[in-house]
Amino acid sequence: MREMVEEHEGGPGPNLRRRELGRELRQLREQAGKKVADTSKYAGLTITTINRIEGGKQVILPRNVRLLCQFYGVEAPLSDNLVRRAEESNERGWWAMYSDTMPEWFEKFVGLESDADELWNYSPIVVDGLLQTPEYAQAMFGVRASAVDEQTLQRSIGLRKARQDRVNCEKNPTRLHVVLDEAALRRAVGGEEVLRDQLRYLVVTAAKPNMTIQVMPFAAGAHLGLQTPFSMLRFPEGFDDMDAVYVENLRGGVWLERPNDIKHYTEVFEQMRAEALTPADSAEFMDSLASSL
């Protein structure tokens, strides 16, 4: 897995590469004075496909890039560079090696999570997956052990560990801010010993420079995020139009990408952050809770 992480550290992942390439193709079309309808006709593609290519929201085939360059009057070496970048944008990320253990909707999430610059996660029921110890994760996945074989179970745990490694990679760690409800910290997933080790792990992890962990105590009462867990993915400057909120349920995931949705969840998270214990008080609370077990 170390090689996979180093590969990501060498540059942006496929989602960001695709978005960047799409933007440049749109700029070239506009500079050439070509309309989307004329472009789609020349390339033999639908208008929807052209829009999705320019938005970086689908696979960008090298042959289509070549056609678009011809229509826009783009010559070598720029055209060759764009074709090469299309090939690179279609390279599968490190998570592809786990694709047999996760549904397509979750694979999309893992890919975007891997490219995100910052993650704002709220976990009201259990410890966030990016903060779980292997033993805690084992207990979580063990709930559905009767439906999967041991190999699949271990690979699922391996994927969770790989996601954690990506967040904490040495060269370009992801900034992770998690608000954990007190209920998540008291639920004895795996038994008291597993929970105690999990709490101690959280205290140590919270000290990392890219980590912020806050506890929403029972004493806070009702708050805006009480109803459901969510993850807000925030992307680097220049790609912030990719910011999205991911809400998962037992059968799939829901993506919220409209500006109003992003604004709403930003306000919700910021208010929860203000109402939760400070990071220092949270660490003290978790340490005390671990000592009581």
C-alpha atoms as a PDB file:
ATOM      1  CA  MET A   1       0.000   0.000   0.000  1.00  0.00           C
ATOM      2  CA  ARG A   2       2.988   2.307   0.546  1.00  0.00           C
ATOM      3  CA  GLU A   3       3.620   2.389  -3.210  1.00  0.00           C
ATOM      4  CA  MET A   4      -0.012   3.354  -3.811  1.00  0.00           C
ATOM      5  CA  VAL A   5       0.216   6.282  -1.391  1.00  0.00           C
ATOM      6  CA  GLU A   6       3.462   7.506  -2.920  1.00  0.00           C
ATOM      7  CA  GLU A   7       1.853   7.380  -6.348  1.00  0.00           C
ATOM      8  CA  HIS A   8      -0.888   9.731  -5.141  1.00  0.00           C
ATOM      9  CA  GLU A   9       1.633  12.042  -3.498  1.00  0.00           C
ATOM     10  CA  GLY A  10       3.274  12.520  -6.901  1.00  0.00           C
ATOM     11  CA  GLY A  11       0.359  14.616  -8.165  1.00  0.00           C
ATOM     12  CA  PRO A  12      -3.412  15.056  -8.286  1.00  0.00           C
ATOM     13  CA  GLY A  13      -5.653  12.024  -8.583  1.00  0.00           C
ATOM     14  CA  PRO A  14      -7.709  11.146 -11.668  1.00  0.00           C
ATOM     15  CA  ASN A  15     -10.765  13.163 -10.611  1.00  0.00           C
ATOM     16  CA  LEU A  16      -8.816  16.417 -10.361  1.00  0.00           C
ATOM     17  CA  ARG A  17      -6.868  15.660 -13.534  1.00  0.00           C
ATOM     18  CA  ARG A  18     -10.110  15.103 -15.411  1.00  0.00           C
ATOM     19  CA  ARG A  19     -11.644  18.311 -14.076  1.00  0.00           C
ATOM     20  CA  GLU A  20      -8.529  20.314 -14.989  1.00  0.00           C
ATOM     21  CA  LEU A  21      -8.408  18.864 -18.505  1.00  0.00           C
ATOM     22  CA  GLY A  22     -12.116  19.527 -19.017  1.00  0.00           C
ATOM     23  CA  ARG A  23     -11.682  23.168 -18.083  1.00  0.00           C
ATOM     24  CA  GLU A  24      -8.823  23.593 -20.535  1.00  0.00           C
ATOM     25  CA  LEU A  25     -10.853  21.998 -23.332  1.00  0.00           C
ATOM     26  CA  ARG A  26     -13.706  24.384 -22.608  1.00  0.00           C
ATOM     27  CA  GLN A  27     -11.332  27.351 -22.706  1.00  0.00           C
ATOM     28  CA  LEU A  28      -9.909  26.184 -26.042  1.00  0.00           C
ATOM     29  CA  ARG A  29     -13.421  25.830 -27.479  1.00  0.00           C
ATOM     30  CA  GLU A  30     -14.356  29.328 -26.347  1.00  0.00           C
ATOM     31  CA  GLN A  31     -11.106  30.788 -27.685  1.00  0.00           C
ATOM     32  CA  ALA A  32     -11.818  29.138 -31.033  1.00  0.00           C
ATOM     33  CA  GLY A  33     -15.302  30.678 -31.063  1.00  0.00           C
ATOM     34  CA  LYS A  34     -17.024  27.292 -31.305  1.00  0.00           C
ATOM     35  CA  LYS A  35     -20.459  26.541 -29.884  1.00  0.00           C
ATOM     36  CA  VAL A  36     -21.212  23.365 -27.973  1.00  0.00           C
ATOM     37  CA  ALA A  37     -23.778  22.301 -30.578  1.00  0.00           C
ATOM     38  CA  ASP A  38     -21.272  22.664 -33.431  1.00  0.00           C
ATOM     39  CA  THR A  39     -18.631  20.839 -31.431  1.00  0.00           C
ATOM     40  CA  SER A  40     -20.923  17.911 -30.703  1.00  0.00           C
ATOM     41  CA  LYS A  41     -21.852  17.614 -34.360  1.00  0.00           C
ATOM     42  CA  TYR A  42     -18.228  17.622 -35.517  1.00  0.00           C
ATOM     43  CA  ALA A  43     -17.093  15.105 -32.891  1.00  0.00           C
ATOM     44  CA  GLY A  44     -20.137  12.878 -33.257  1.00  0.00           C
ATOM     45  CA  LEU A  45     -20.956  13.285 -29.574  1.00  0.00           C
ATOM     46  CA  THR A  46     -24.079  14.502 -27.813  1.00  0.00           C
ATOM     47  CA  ILE A  47     -24.278  17.980 -26.339  1.00  0.00           C
ATOM     48  CA  THR A  48     -24.610  16.364 -22.925  1.00  0.00           C
ATOM     49  CA  THR A  49     -21.366  14.460 -23.463  1.00  0.00           C
ATOM     50  CA  ILE A  50     -19.499  17.642 -24.446  1.00  0.00           C
ATOM     51  CA  ASN A  51     -20.808  19.387 -21.332  1.00  0.00           C
ATOM     52  CA  ARG A  52     -19.798  16.456 -19.121  1.00  0.00           C
ATOM     53  CA  ILE A  53     -16.330  16.334 -20.701  1.00  0.00           C
ATOM     54  CA  GLU A  54     -15.829  20.040 -20.074  1.00  0.00           C
ATOM     55  CA  GLY A  55     -17.098  19.610 -16.530  1.00  0.00           C
ATOM     56  CA  GLY A  56     -14.728  16.700 -15.907  1.00  0.00           C
ATOM     57  CA  LYS A  57     -17.681  14.550 -14.925  1.00  0.00           C
ATOM     58  CA  GLN A  58     -17.005  11.558 -17.160  1.00  0.00           C
ATOM     59  CA  VAL A  59     -14.142   9.621 -18.703  1.00  0.00           C
ATOM     60  CA  ILE A  60     -12.355  11.727 -21.328  1.00  0.00           C
ATOM     61  CA  LEU A  61     -11.232   9.456 -24.144  1.00  0.00           C
ATOM     62  CA  PRO A  62      -7.956  10.385 -25.888  1.00  0.00           C
ATOM     63  CA  ARG A  63      -9.539   9.961 -29.331  1.00  0.00           C
ATOM     64  CA  ASN A  64     -12.230  12.488 -28.438  1.00  0.00           C
ATOM     65  CA  VAL A  65      -9.582  14.947 -27.267  1.00  0.00           C
ATOM     66  CA  ARG A  66      -7.822  14.509 -30.604  1.00  0.00           C
ATOM     67  CA  LEU A  67     -11.052  15.279 -32.468  1.00  0.00           C
ATOM     68  CA  LEU A  68     -11.748  18.347 -30.351  1.00  0.00           C
ATOM     69  CA  CYS A  69      -8.230  19.648 -30.903  1.00  0.00           C
ATOM     70  CA  GLN A  70      -8.681  19.305 -34.653  1.00  0.00           C
ATOM     71  CA  PHE A  71     -11.952  21.254 -34.513  1.00  0.00           C
ATOM     72  CA  TYR A  72     -10.440  23.970 -32.348  1.00  0.00           C
ATOM     73  CA  GLY A  73      -7.347  24.279 -34.500  1.00  0.00           C
ATOM     74  CA  VAL A  74      -5.031  23.121 -31.722  1.00  0.00           C
ATOM     75  CA  GLU A  75      -1.811  21.669 -33.079  1.00  0.00           C
ATOM     76  CA  ALA A  76       1.187  19.818 -31.671  1.00  0.00           C
ATOM     77  CA  PRO A  77       2.790  19.907 -29.194  1.00  0.00           C
ATOM     78  CA  LEU A  78      -0.246  21.166 -27.218  1.00  0.00           C
ATOM     79  CA  SER A  79      -2.623  18.650 -28.798  1.00  0.00           C
ATOM     80  CA  ASP A  80      -0.250  15.780 -27.982  1.00  0.00           C
ATOM     81  CA  ASN A  81       0.012  17.042 -24.412  1.00  0.00           C
ATOM     82  CA  LEU A  82      -3.779  17.135 -24.036  1.00  0.00           C
ATOM     83  CA  VAL A  83      -4.130  13.606 -25.431  1.00  0.00           C
ATOM     84  CA  ARG A  84      -1.496  12.352 -22.996  1.00  0.00           C
ATOM     85  CA  ARG A  85      -3.289  14.042 -20.111  1.00  0.00           C
ATOM     86  CA  ALA A  86      -6.523  12.360 -21.177  1.00  0.00           C
ATOM     87  CA  GLU A  87      -4.761   9.017 -20.937  1.00  0.00           C
ATOM     88  CA  GLU A  88      -3.427   9.894 -17.493  1.00  0.00           C
ATOM     89  CA  SER A  89      -6.828  11.085 -16.291  1.00  0.00           C
ATOM     90  CA  ASN A  90      -8.228   7.648 -17.032  1.00  0.00           C
ATOM     91  CA  GLU A  91      -5.687   5.824 -14.909  1.00  0.00           C
ATOM     92  CA  ARG A  92      -7.463   4.196 -12.005  1.00  0.00           C
ATOM     93  CA  GLY A  93      -6.553   5.344  -8.512  1.00  0.00           C
ATOM     94  CA  TRP A  94      -5.051   3.289  -5.718  1.00  0.00           C
ATOM     95  CA  TRP A  95      -8.546   2.269  -4.564  1.00  0.00           C
ATOM     96  CA  ALA A  96      -9.115   0.244  -7.761  1.00  0.00           C
ATOM     97  CA  MET A  97      -7.394  -2.738  -6.160  1.00  0.00           C
ATOM     98  CA  TYR A  98     -10.313  -2.882  -3.714  1.00  0.00           C
ATOM     99  CA  SER A  99     -13.076  -2.430  -6.294  1.00  0.00           C
ATOM    100  CA  ASP A 100     -14.250  -6.013  -5.824  1.00  0.00           C
ATOM    101  CA  THR A 101     -15.119  -5.295  -2.200  1.00  0.00           C
ATOM    102  CA  MET A 102     -17.166  -2.116  -2.589  1.00  0.00           C
ATOM    103  CA  PRO A 103     -20.179  -1.019  -4.642  1.00  0.00           C
ATOM    104  CA  GLU A 104     -19.736   1.492  -7.455  1.00  0.00           C
ATOM    105  CA  TRP A 105     -21.401   4.310  -5.496  1.00  0.00           C
ATOM    106  CA  PHE A 106     -18.900   3.929  -2.671  1.00  0.00           C
ATOM    107  CA  GLU A 107     -15.958   3.652  -5.046  1.00  0.00           C
ATOM    108  CA  LYS A 108     -16.864   7.101  -6.362  1.00  0.00           C
ATOM    109  CA  PHE A 109     -16.829   8.444  -2.816  1.00  0.00           C
ATOM    110  CA  VAL A 110     -13.442   6.902  -2.010  1.00  0.00           C
ATOM    111  CA  GLY A 111     -11.950   8.393  -5.164  1.00  0.00           C
ATOM    112  CA  LEU A 112     -13.196  11.891  -4.391  1.00  0.00           C
ATOM    113  CA  GLU A 113     -12.269  11.545  -0.727  1.00  0.00           C
ATOM    114  CA  SER A 114      -8.738  10.695  -1.817  1.00  0.00           C
ATOM    115  CA  ASP A 115      -8.514  13.871  -3.914  1.00  0.00           C
ATOM    116  CA  ALA A 116     -10.081  16.180  -1.324  1.00  0.00           C
ATOM    117  CA  ASP A 117      -7.949  18.803   0.393  1.00  0.00           C
ATOM    118  CA  GLU A 118     -10.114  18.849   3.502  1.00  0.00           C
ATOM    119  CA  LEU A 119     -12.841  16.643   4.993  1.00  0.00           C
ATOM    120  CA  TRP A 120     -15.514  17.773   7.433  1.00  0.00           C
ATOM    121  CA  ASN A 121     -17.144  14.673   8.909  1.00  0.00           C
ATOM    122  CA  TYR A 122     -19.908  14.294  11.443  1.00  0.00           C
ATOM    123  CA  SER A 123     -20.400  10.894  13.117  1.00  0.00           C
ATOM    124  CA  PRO A 124     -23.283  10.665  15.583  1.00  0.00           C
ATOM    125  CA  ILE A 125     -23.521   6.884  15.998  1.00  0.00           C
ATOM    126  CA  VAL A 126     -20.108   5.209  15.668  1.00  0.00           C
ATOM    127  CA  VAL A 127     -16.510   6.408  15.415  1.00  0.00           C
ATOM    128  CA  ASP A 128     -15.777   7.811  11.963  1.00  0.00           C
ATOM    129  CA  GLY A 129     -14.270   5.217   9.617  1.00  0.00           C
ATOM    130  CA  LEU A 130     -11.144   7.310   9.043  1.00  0.00           C
ATOM    131  CA  LEU A 131     -10.442   7.187  12.787  1.00  0.00           C
ATOM    132  CA  GLN A 132     -11.203   3.548  13.581  1.00  0.00           C
ATOM    133  CA  THR A 133      -8.644   1.094  14.901  1.00  0.00           C
ATOM    134  CA  PRO A 134      -8.382  -2.253  13.032  1.00  0.00           C
ATOM    135  CA  GLU A 135     -10.098  -4.011  15.947  1.00  0.00           C
ATOM    136  CA  TYR A 136     -12.981  -1.527  15.987  1.00  0.00           C
ATOM    137  CA  ALA A 137     -13.335  -1.833  12.200  1.00  0.00           C
ATOM    138  CA  GLN A 138     -13.272  -5.622  12.521  1.00  0.00           C
ATOM    139  CA  ALA A 139     -16.161  -5.443  14.977  1.00  0.00           C
ATOM    140  CA  MET A 140     -18.094  -3.101  12.686  1.00  0.00           C
ATOM    141  CA  PHE A 141     -17.658  -5.241   9.585  1.00  0.00           C
ATOM    142  CA  GLY A 142     -18.261  -8.360  11.671  1.00  0.00           C
ATOM    143  CA  VAL A 143     -21.905  -7.324  12.053  1.00  0.00           C
ATOM    144  CA  ARG A 144     -22.454  -8.468   8.471  1.00  0.00           C
ATOM    145  CA  ALA A 145     -19.921 -11.318   8.611  1.00  0.00           C
ATOM    146  CA  SER A 146     -22.579 -13.916   7.822  1.00  0.00           C
ATOM    147  CA  ALA A 147     -23.126 -12.250   4.439  1.00  0.00           C
ATOM    148  CA  VAL A 148     -19.446 -12.163   3.389  1.00  0.00           C
ATOM    149  CA  ASP A 149     -16.498 -14.555   3.493  1.00  0.00           C
ATOM    150  CA  GLU A 150     -13.401 -13.995   5.605  1.00  0.00           C
ATOM    151  CA  GLN A 151     -11.279 -12.807   2.672  1.00  0.00           C
ATOM    152  CA  THR A 152     -13.800 -10.128   1.721  1.00  0.00           C
ATOM    153  CA  LEU A 153     -14.044  -9.088   5.364  1.00  0.00           C
ATOM    154  CA  GLN A 154     -10.278  -8.634   5.631  1.00  0.00           C
ATOM    155  CA  ARG A 155     -10.111  -6.741   2.351  1.00  0.00           C
ATOM    156  CA  SER A 156     -12.825  -4.378   3.577  1.00  0.00           C
ATOM    157  CA  ILE A 157     -10.748  -3.716   6.674  1.00  0.00           C
ATOM    158  CA  GLY A 158      -7.711  -3.253   4.417  1.00  0.00           C
ATOM    159  CA  LEU A 159      -9.557  -0.647   2.360  1.00  0.00           C
ATOM    160  CA  ARG A 160     -10.450   1.287   5.495  1.00  0.00           C
ATOM    161  CA  LYS A 161      -6.796   1.234   6.582  1.00  0.00           C
ATOM    162  CA  ALA A 162      -5.704   2.376   3.096  1.00  0.00           C
ATOM    163  CA  ARG A 163      -8.113   5.329   3.265  1.00  0.00           C
ATOM    164  CA  GLN A 164      -6.614   6.263   6.625  1.00  0.00           C
ATOM    165  CA  ASP A 165      -3.098   6.011   5.180  1.00  0.00           C
ATOM    166  CA  ARG A 166      -4.096   8.352   2.369  1.00  0.00           C
ATOM    167  CA  VAL A 167      -5.429  10.938   4.810  1.00  0.00           C
ATOM    168  CA  ASN A 168      -2.221  10.754   6.825  1.00  0.00           C
ATOM    169  CA  CYS A 169       0.280  10.455   3.973  1.00  0.00           C
ATOM    170  CA  GLU A 170       3.529  12.223   4.781  1.00  0.00           C
ATOM    171  CA  LYS A 171       3.854  14.579   1.816  1.00  0.00           C
ATOM    172  CA  ASN A 172       0.328  15.940   1.418  1.00  0.00           C
ATOM    173  CA  PRO A 173      -1.966  14.857   4.272  1.00  0.00           C
ATOM    174  CA  THR A 174      -5.650  15.603   4.095  1.00  0.00           C
ATOM    175  CA  ARG A 175      -6.983  17.969   6.728  1.00  0.00           C
ATOM    176  CA  LEU A 176      -9.601  16.007   8.623  1.00  0.00           C
ATOM    177  CA  HIS A 177     -12.042  17.689  10.992  1.00  0.00           C
ATOM    178  CA  VAL A 178     -14.420  15.284  12.718  1.00  0.00           C
ATOM    179  CA  VAL A 179     -17.217  16.002  15.159  1.00  0.00           C
ATOM    180  CA  LEU A 180     -18.071  12.862  17.116  1.00  0.00           C
ATOM    181  CA  ASP A 181     -21.236  12.640  19.148  1.00  0.00           C
ATOM    182  CA  GLU A 182     -20.727  11.414  22.694  1.00  0.00           C
ATOM    183  CA  ALA A 183     -22.984   8.459  21.853  1.00  0.00           C
ATOM    184  CA  ALA A 184     -20.407   7.218  19.337  1.00  0.00           C
ATOM    185  CA  LEU A 185     -17.765   7.239  22.064  1.00  0.00           C
ATOM    186  CA  ARG A 186     -19.851   5.319  24.562  1.00  0.00           C
ATOM    187  CA  ARG A 187     -21.154   2.587  22.268  1.00  0.00           C
ATOM    188  CA  ALA A 188     -19.101  -0.510  23.164  1.00  0.00           C
ATOM    189  CA  VAL A 189     -18.396  -1.689  19.609  1.00  0.00           C
ATOM    190  CA  GLY A 190     -16.310  -4.861  19.973  1.00  0.00           C
ATOM    191  CA  GLY A 191     -16.536  -4.760  23.759  1.00  0.00           C
ATOM    192  CA  GLU A 192     -15.025  -2.537  26.437  1.00  0.00           C
ATOM    193  CA  GLU A 193     -11.391  -3.399  25.652  1.00  0.00           C
ATOM    194  CA  VAL A 194     -11.758  -2.542  21.971  1.00  0.00           C
ATOM    195  CA  LEU A 195     -13.567   0.683  22.856  1.00  0.00           C
ATOM    196  CA  ARG A 196     -10.914   1.644  25.414  1.00  0.00           C
ATOM    197  CA  ASP A 197      -8.128   1.151  22.867  1.00  0.00           C
ATOM    198  CA  GLN A 198     -10.166   3.068  20.310  1.00  0.00           C
ATOM    199  CA  LEU A 199     -10.579   6.026  22.642  1.00  0.00           C
ATOM    200  CA  ARG A 200      -6.876   6.090  23.429  1.00  0.00           C
ATOM    201  CA  TYR A 201      -6.105   5.934  19.718  1.00  0.00           C
ATOM    202  CA  LEU A 202      -8.362   8.949  19.158  1.00  0.00           C
ATOM    203  CA  VAL A 203      -6.463  10.932  21.795  1.00  0.00           C
ATOM    204  CA  VAL A 204      -3.139  10.180  20.095  1.00  0.00           C
ATOM    205  CA  THR A 205      -4.501  10.805  16.608  1.00  0.00           C
ATOM    206  CA  ALA A 206      -6.028  14.133  17.608  1.00  0.00           C
ATOM    207  CA  ALA A 207      -2.507  15.443  18.266  1.00  0.00           C
ATOM    208  CA  LYS A 208      -1.537  15.135  14.579  1.00  0.00           C
ATOM    209  CA  PRO A 209      -1.258  18.504  12.810  1.00  0.00           C
ATOM    210  CA  ASN A 210      -3.766  17.570  10.089  1.00  0.00           C
ATOM    211  CA  MET A 211      -6.350  16.287  12.568  1.00  0.00           C
ATOM    212  CA  THR A 212      -9.070  18.087  14.511  1.00  0.00           C
ATOM    213  CA  ILE A 213     -11.398  15.970  16.645  1.00  0.00           C
ATOM    214  CA  GLN A 214     -14.237  17.477  18.659  1.00  0.00           C
ATOM    215  CA  VAL A 215     -16.819  15.809  20.854  1.00  0.00           C
ATOM    216  CA  MET A 216     -20.450  16.870  20.841  1.00  0.00           C
ATOM    217  CA  PRO A 217     -21.469  16.095  24.441  1.00  0.00           C
ATOM    218  CA  PHE A 218     -24.905  14.964  25.527  1.00  0.00           C
ATOM    219  CA  ALA A 219     -25.128  18.195  27.506  1.00  0.00           C
ATOM    220  CA  ALA A 220     -25.253  20.148  24.234  1.00  0.00           C
ATOM    221  CA  GLY A 221     -28.804  18.901  23.729  1.00  0.00           C
ATOM    222  CA  ALA A 222     -30.427  19.204  20.305  1.00  0.00           C
ATOM    223  CA  HIS A 223     -28.325  20.614  17.473  1.00  0.00           C
ATOM    224  CA  LEU A 224     -28.604  21.055  13.706  1.00  0.00           C
ATOM    225  CA  GLY A 225     -26.686  17.920  12.742  1.00  0.00           C
ATOM    226  CA  LEU A 226     -28.470  15.576  15.103  1.00  0.00           C
ATOM    227  CA  GLN A 227     -30.429  13.688  12.461  1.00  0.00           C
ATOM    228  CA  THR A 228     -27.808  12.140  10.169  1.00  0.00           C
ATOM    229  CA  PRO A 229     -24.071  11.615   9.644  1.00  0.00           C
ATOM    230  CA  PHE A 230     -22.470  13.349   6.678  1.00  0.00           C
ATOM    231  CA  SER A 231     -19.142  14.066   5.061  1.00  0.00           C
ATOM    232  CA  MET A 232     -18.293  17.351   3.349  1.00  0.00           C
ATOM    233  CA  LEU A 233     -15.510  17.064   0.792  1.00  0.00           C
ATOM    234  CA  ARG A 234     -13.613  20.301   0.210  1.00  0.00           C
ATOM    235  CA  PHE A 235     -11.164  20.556  -2.680  1.00  0.00           C
ATOM    236  CA  PRO A 236      -8.019  22.644  -3.328  1.00  0.00           C
ATOM    237  CA  GLU A 237      -8.209  26.241  -4.479  1.00  0.00           C
ATOM    238  CA  GLY A 238      -9.257  26.336  -8.112  1.00  0.00           C
ATOM    239  CA  PHE A 239     -11.287  23.152  -7.700  1.00  0.00           C
ATOM    240  CA  ASP A 240     -13.641  24.386  -4.975  1.00  0.00           C
ATOM    241  CA  ASP A 241     -16.563  24.110  -7.381  1.00  0.00           C
ATOM    242  CA  MET A 242     -16.169  20.351  -6.779  1.00  0.00           C
ATOM    243  CA  ASP A 243     -17.067  20.707  -3.091  1.00  0.00           C
ATOM    244  CA  ALA A 244     -19.810  18.258  -2.202  1.00  0.00           C
ATOM    245  CA  VAL A 245     -21.673  16.697   0.699  1.00  0.00           C
ATOM    246  CA  TYR A 246     -22.005  12.928   0.909  1.00  0.00           C
ATOM    247  CA  VAL A 247     -24.772  11.310   2.942  1.00  0.00           C
ATOM    248  CA  GLU A 248     -24.691   7.524   3.149  1.00  0.00           C
ATOM    249  CA  ASN A 249     -27.477   5.091   3.936  1.00  0.00           C
ATOM    250  CA  LEU A 250     -27.685   1.292   4.077  1.00  0.00           C
ATOM    251  CA  ARG A 251     -28.302   0.924   0.346  1.00  0.00           C
ATOM    252  CA  GLY A 252     -26.274   3.719  -1.229  1.00  0.00           C
ATOM    253  CA  GLY A 253     -25.075   7.275  -0.999  1.00  0.00           C
ATOM    254  CA  VAL A 254     -26.633  10.650  -1.793  1.00  0.00           C
ATOM    255  CA  TRP A 255     -24.552  13.495  -3.252  1.00  0.00           C
ATOM    256  CA  LEU A 256     -25.484  17.112  -2.565  1.00  0.00           C
ATOM    257  CA  GLU A 257     -23.587  19.493  -4.854  1.00  0.00           C
ATOM    258  CA  ARG A 258     -25.776  22.566  -5.357  1.00  0.00           C
ATOM    259  CA  PRO A 259     -24.333  25.813  -3.946  1.00  0.00           C
ATOM    260  CA  ASN A 260     -27.277  26.161  -1.557  1.00  0.00           C
ATOM    261  CA  ASP A 261     -26.647  22.651  -0.218  1.00  0.00           C
ATOM    262  CA  ILE A 262     -22.955  23.365   0.304  1.00  0.00           C
ATOM    263  CA  LYS A 263     -23.792  26.640   2.045  1.00  0.00           C
ATOM    264  CA  HIS A 264     -26.339  24.928   4.317  1.00  0.00           C
ATOM    265  CA  TYR A 265     -24.031  22.104   5.416  1.00  0.00           C
ATOM    266  CA  THR A 266     -21.141  24.529   5.869  1.00  0.00           C
ATOM    267  CA  GLU A 267     -23.264  26.543   8.277  1.00  0.00           C
ATOM    268  CA  VAL A 268     -24.445  23.388  10.047  1.00  0.00           C
ATOM    269  CA  PHE A 269     -20.920  22.082  10.550  1.00  0.00           C
ATOM    270  CA  GLU A 270     -19.570  25.440  11.674  1.00  0.00           C
ATOM    271  CA  GLN A 271     -22.352  25.723  14.234  1.00  0.00           C
ATOM    272  CA  MET A 272     -21.709  22.179  15.490  1.00  0.00           C
ATOM    273  CA  ARG A 273     -18.017  22.982  15.728  1.00  0.00           C
ATOM    274  CA  ALA A 274     -18.855  25.994  17.867  1.00  0.00           C
ATOM    275  CA  GLU A 275     -21.188  24.008  20.159  1.00  0.00           C
ATOM    276  CA  ALA A 276     -18.893  20.992  20.569  1.00  0.00           C
ATOM    277  CA  LEU A 277     -16.104  20.732  23.115  1.00  0.00           C
ATOM    278  CA  THR A 278     -12.870  22.376  22.050  1.00  0.00           C
ATOM    279  CA  PRO A 279     -10.218  20.016  20.600  1.00  0.00           C
ATOM    280  CA  ALA A 280      -8.247  20.183  23.858  1.00  0.00           C
ATOM    281  CA  ASP A 281     -11.321  19.527  26.020  1.00  0.00           C
ATOM    282  CA  SER A 282     -12.378  16.759  23.638  1.00  0.00           C
ATOM    283  CA  ALA A 283      -9.041  14.990  24.029  1.00  0.00           C
ATOM    284  CA  GLU A 284      -9.352  15.262  27.804  1.00  0.00           C
ATOM    285  CA  PHE A 285     -12.912  13.940  27.670  1.00  0.00           C
ATOM    286  CA  MET A 286     -11.909  10.920  25.543  1.00  0.00           C
ATOM    287  CA  ASP A 287      -8.936  10.160  27.758  1.00  0.00           C
ATOM    288  CA  SER A 288     -11.134  10.290  30.852  1.00  0.00           C
ATOM    289  CA  LEU A 289     -13.727   8.060  29.233  1.00  0.00           C
ATOM    290  CA  ALA A 290     -11.029   5.517  28.303  1.00  0.00           C
ATOM    291  CA  SER A 291      -9.741   5.494  31.883  1.00  0.00           C
ATOM    292  CA  SER A 292     -13.225   4.781  33.194  1.00  0.00           C
ATOM    293  CA  LEU A 293     -13.536   1.537  31.218  1.00  0.00           C
END
